[in-house]
Each structure stands twice: as C-alpha cells, then as structure tokens.
C-alpha cells in the first residue's frame, strides 16, 4: 500500500503572496473594518459615507499589509518587534570582589575534584 506525502507539511501558511502573520493582520483588519462599517450604518450614517469609508480603509489596509510583507518578509516583523523589546543594557548589582572570590572558589573546588 502506498501513501501520498503532503508536500506542504512544515511550510508557513500563504495566500496570494501574504505569509503567516501578515495573513492574520489582513484578515483581522478586514473583519474590523466590516464591523466598523456595520456600526456606522446602524448609527445612521450616510450610505455613501459608509461605502467610501469601507473602501478607502480596506484599500489602505491591503496596501499596508502587502508593503510590510515585501519589506520585512516572513519572520522580519516578529524580529522587528523582538528587537524593540530587547533591553538596552544589563545591570550587575554585585560587588566585583564578590564575583572574583566566587570564581576563584569554583576553580579551587574543580582542581580538588580532579585529584581524587
């Protein structure tokens, strides 16, 4: 019996050139725009305004999503956000004498272990 191997295993999700997180940004943005247009319509806004608002904001969302996809690639946006949350400096609050003594003590114990 032969089984077919699915060639897409391990690949990221892609639709019309949008990959992984950009696809979720795109879908979530369109869903949010649709909900905003529905709320505006129910609130009594002009029909022409609702249609124009929906088409302009969705066009902007599509343009921005594809621009980010081209600029940063598949994992670049996550790397950009991770780089912004990285600490700018590390602080060591221990005294230098304590660090040096601790290092010498560990060396002494290591040399005793090799003699046995």
C-alpha atoms as a PDB file:
ATOM      1  CA  UNK A   1       0.000   0.000   0.000  1.00  0.00           C
ATOM      2  CA  UNK A   2       1.382   3.422  -0.943  1.00  0.00           C
ATOM      3  CA  UNK A   3       0.627   6.653   0.831  1.00  0.00           C
ATOM      4  CA  UNK A   4       0.929  10.077  -0.719  1.00  0.00           C
ATOM      5  CA  UNK A   5       3.158  12.554   1.069  1.00  0.00           C
ATOM      6  CA  UNK A   6       1.711  16.005   1.607  1.00  0.00           C
ATOM      7  CA  UNK A   7       4.335  18.446   0.308  1.00  0.00           C
ATOM      8  CA  UNK A   8       3.066  21.390   2.371  1.00  0.00           C
ATOM      9  CA  UNK A   9       3.966  19.957   5.774  1.00  0.00           C
ATOM     10  CA  UNK A  10       6.169  22.357   7.740  1.00  0.00           C
ATOM     11  CA  UNK A  11       5.590  25.337   5.457  1.00  0.00           C
ATOM     12  CA  UNK A  12       4.014  28.547   6.637  1.00  0.00           C
ATOM     13  CA  UNK A  13       0.501  29.499   5.578  1.00  0.00           C
ATOM     14  CA  UNK A  14       0.404  31.539   2.366  1.00  0.00           C
ATOM     15  CA  UNK A  15      -2.424  33.183   0.433  1.00  0.00           C
ATOM     16  CA  UNK A  16      -1.880  35.395  -2.628  1.00  0.00           C
ATOM     17  CA  UNK A  17       1.697  36.104  -1.528  1.00  0.00           C
ATOM     18  CA  UNK A  18       0.848  37.015   2.079  1.00  0.00           C
ATOM     19  CA  UNK A  19       2.616  34.793   4.568  1.00  0.00           C
ATOM     20  CA  UNK A  20       1.865  33.832   8.177  1.00  0.00           C
ATOM     21  CA  UNK A  21       1.330  36.861  10.442  1.00  0.00           C
ATOM     22  CA  UNK A  22       0.571  39.218   7.536  1.00  0.00           C
ATOM     23  CA  UNK A  23      -2.335  37.000   6.568  1.00  0.00           C
ATOM     24  CA  UNK A  24      -3.735  37.275  10.098  1.00  0.00           C
ATOM     25  CA  UNK A  25      -3.221  41.058  10.122  1.00  0.00           C
ATOM     26  CA  UNK A  26      -5.027  41.257   6.782  1.00  0.00           C
ATOM     27  CA  UNK A  27      -7.974  39.077   7.842  1.00  0.00           C
ATOM     28  CA  UNK A  28      -8.334  40.737  11.257  1.00  0.00           C
ATOM     29  CA  UNK A  29      -8.146  44.205   9.731  1.00  0.00           C
ATOM     30  CA  UNK A  30     -10.813  43.440   7.151  1.00  0.00           C
ATOM     31  CA  UNK A  31     -13.063  41.976   9.836  1.00  0.00           C
ATOM     32  CA  UNK A  32     -12.602  45.099  11.980  1.00  0.00           C
ATOM     33  CA  UNK A  33     -13.381  47.380   9.010  1.00  0.00           C
ATOM     34  CA  UNK A  34     -16.558  45.450   8.224  1.00  0.00           C
ATOM     35  CA  UNK A  35     -17.697  45.723  11.848  1.00  0.00           C
ATOM     36  CA  UNK A  36     -16.977  49.471  11.909  1.00  0.00           C
ATOM     37  CA  UNK A  37     -18.967  49.978   8.695  1.00  0.00           C
ATOM     38  CA  UNK A  38     -21.878  47.992  10.154  1.00  0.00           C
ATOM     39  CA  UNK A  39     -21.824  50.095  13.340  1.00  0.00           C
ATOM     40  CA  UNK A  40     -21.710  53.325  11.300  1.00  0.00           C
ATOM     41  CA  UNK A  41     -24.639  52.167   9.169  1.00  0.00           C
ATOM     42  CA  UNK A  42     -26.672  51.165  12.236  1.00  0.00           C
ATOM     43  CA  UNK A  43     -25.870  54.521  13.868  1.00  0.00           C
ATOM     44  CA  UNK A  44     -27.500  56.285  10.912  1.00  0.00           C
ATOM     45  CA  UNK A  45     -24.510  57.466   8.913  1.00  0.00           C
ATOM     46  CA  UNK A  46     -24.968  58.228   5.234  1.00  0.00           C
ATOM     47  CA  UNK A  47     -24.798  55.180   2.940  1.00  0.00           C
ATOM     48  CA  UNK A  48     -22.303  56.838   0.607  1.00  0.00           C
ATOM     49  CA  UNK A  49     -20.064  57.701   3.566  1.00  0.00           C
ATOM     50  CA  UNK A  50     -20.176  54.103   4.829  1.00  0.00           C
ATOM     51  CA  UNK A  51     -19.244  52.725   1.400  1.00  0.00           C
ATOM     52  CA  UNK A  52     -16.453  55.265   0.894  1.00  0.00           C
ATOM     53  CA  UNK A  53     -15.094  54.722   4.396  1.00  0.00           C
ATOM     54  CA  UNK A  54     -15.087  50.948   3.952  1.00  0.00           C
ATOM     55  CA  UNK A  55     -13.446  51.015   0.535  1.00  0.00           C
ATOM     56  CA  UNK A  56     -10.779  53.600   1.440  1.00  0.00           C
ATOM     57  CA  UNK A  57      -9.781  51.941   4.720  1.00  0.00           C
ATOM     58  CA  UNK A  58      -9.763  48.440   3.215  1.00  0.00           C
ATOM     59  CA  UNK A  59      -7.628  49.663   0.307  1.00  0.00           C
ATOM     60  CA  UNK A  60      -5.218  51.229   2.784  1.00  0.00           C
ATOM     61  CA  UNK A  61      -5.109  48.029   4.812  1.00  0.00           C
ATOM     62  CA  UNK A  62      -4.405  45.934   1.716  1.00  0.00           C
ATOM     63  CA  UNK A  63      -1.639  48.300   0.585  1.00  0.00           C
ATOM     64  CA  UNK A  64      -0.028  48.424   4.053  1.00  0.00           C
ATOM     65  CA  UNK A  65      -0.152  44.660   4.550  1.00  0.00           C
ATOM     66  CA  UNK A  66       1.467  43.884   1.206  1.00  0.00           C
ATOM     67  CA  UNK A  67       4.063  46.625   1.799  1.00  0.00           C
ATOM     68  CA  UNK A  68       5.019  45.122   5.166  1.00  0.00           C
ATOM     69  CA  UNK A  69       5.138  41.649   3.604  1.00  0.00           C
ATOM     70  CA  UNK A  70       7.531  42.880   0.902  1.00  0.00           C
ATOM     71  CA  UNK A  71       9.703  44.908   3.271  1.00  0.00           C
ATOM     72  CA  UNK A  72      10.133  42.545   6.233  1.00  0.00           C
ATOM     73  CA  UNK A  73       9.482  39.089   4.782  1.00  0.00           C
ATOM     74  CA  UNK A  74       8.057  36.086   6.555  1.00  0.00           C
ATOM     75  CA  UNK A  75       9.637  36.474  10.008  1.00  0.00           C
ATOM     76  CA  UNK A  76      11.007  40.018   9.797  1.00  0.00           C
ATOM     77  CA  UNK A  77       8.072  41.704  11.519  1.00  0.00           C
ATOM     78  CA  UNK A  78       8.429  39.447  14.561  1.00  0.00           C
ATOM     79  CA  UNK A  79      12.177  40.147  14.635  1.00  0.00           C
ATOM     80  CA  UNK A  80      11.483  43.890  14.492  1.00  0.00           C
ATOM     81  CA  UNK A  81       9.110  43.732  17.468  1.00  0.00           C
ATOM     82  CA  UNK A  82      11.520  41.476  19.394  1.00  0.00           C
ATOM     83  CA  UNK A  83      14.374  43.922  18.775  1.00  0.00           C
ATOM     84  CA  UNK A  84      12.312  46.794  20.173  1.00  0.00           C
ATOM     85  CA  UNK A  85      11.607  44.864  23.401  1.00  0.00           C
ATOM     86  CA  UNK A  86      15.242  43.871  23.957  1.00  0.00           C
ATOM     87  CA  UNK A  87      16.869  45.572  26.965  1.00  0.00           C
ATOM     88  CA  UNK A  88      19.305  48.317  26.027  1.00  0.00           C
ATOM     89  CA  UNK A  89      21.728  47.430  28.847  1.00  0.00           C
ATOM     90  CA  UNK A  90      22.203  44.860  31.602  1.00  0.00           C
ATOM     91  CA  UNK A  91      22.920  45.859  35.190  1.00  0.00           C
ATOM     92  CA  UNK A  92      25.046  43.803  37.575  1.00  0.00           C
ATOM     93  CA  UNK A  93      24.433  44.844  41.168  1.00  0.00           C
ATOM     94  CA  UNK A  94      27.014  42.547  42.803  1.00  0.00           C
ATOM     95  CA  UNK A  95      30.331  43.818  44.051  1.00  0.00           C
ATOM     96  CA  UNK A  96      33.335  42.998  41.888  1.00  0.00           C
ATOM     97  CA  UNK A  97      35.175  41.459  44.869  1.00  0.00           C
ATOM     98  CA  UNK A  98      32.297  39.022  45.395  1.00  0.00           C
ATOM     99  CA  UNK A  99      32.357  37.954  41.763  1.00  0.00           C
ATOM    100  CA  UNK A 100      36.140  37.431  41.750  1.00  0.00           C
ATOM    101  CA  UNK A 101      36.140  35.447  45.032  1.00  0.00           C
ATOM    102  CA  UNK A 102      33.322  33.263  43.798  1.00  0.00           C
ATOM    103  CA  UNK A 103      35.183  32.496  40.585  1.00  0.00           C
ATOM    104  CA  UNK A 104      38.373  31.560  42.473  1.00  0.00           C
ATOM    105  CA  UNK A 105      36.408  29.332  44.874  1.00  0.00           C
ATOM    106  CA  UNK A 106      34.869  27.412  41.972  1.00  0.00           C
ATOM    107  CA  UNK A 107      38.313  26.935  40.386  1.00  0.00           C
ATOM    108  CA  UNK A 108      39.664  25.599  43.683  1.00  0.00           C
ATOM    109  CA  UNK A 109      36.822  23.081  44.009  1.00  0.00           C
ATOM    110  CA  UNK A 110      37.278  21.975  40.410  1.00  0.00           C
ATOM    111  CA  UNK A 111      41.027  21.358  40.937  1.00  0.00           C
ATOM    112  CA  UNK A 112      40.282  19.266  44.072  1.00  0.00           C
ATOM    113  CA  UNK A 113      37.781  17.130  42.180  1.00  0.00           C
ATOM    114  CA  UNK A 114      40.354  16.156  39.547  1.00  0.00           C
ATOM    115  CA  UNK A 115      42.882  14.921  42.161  1.00  0.00           C
ATOM    116  CA  UNK A 116      40.550  12.265  43.573  1.00  0.00           C
END
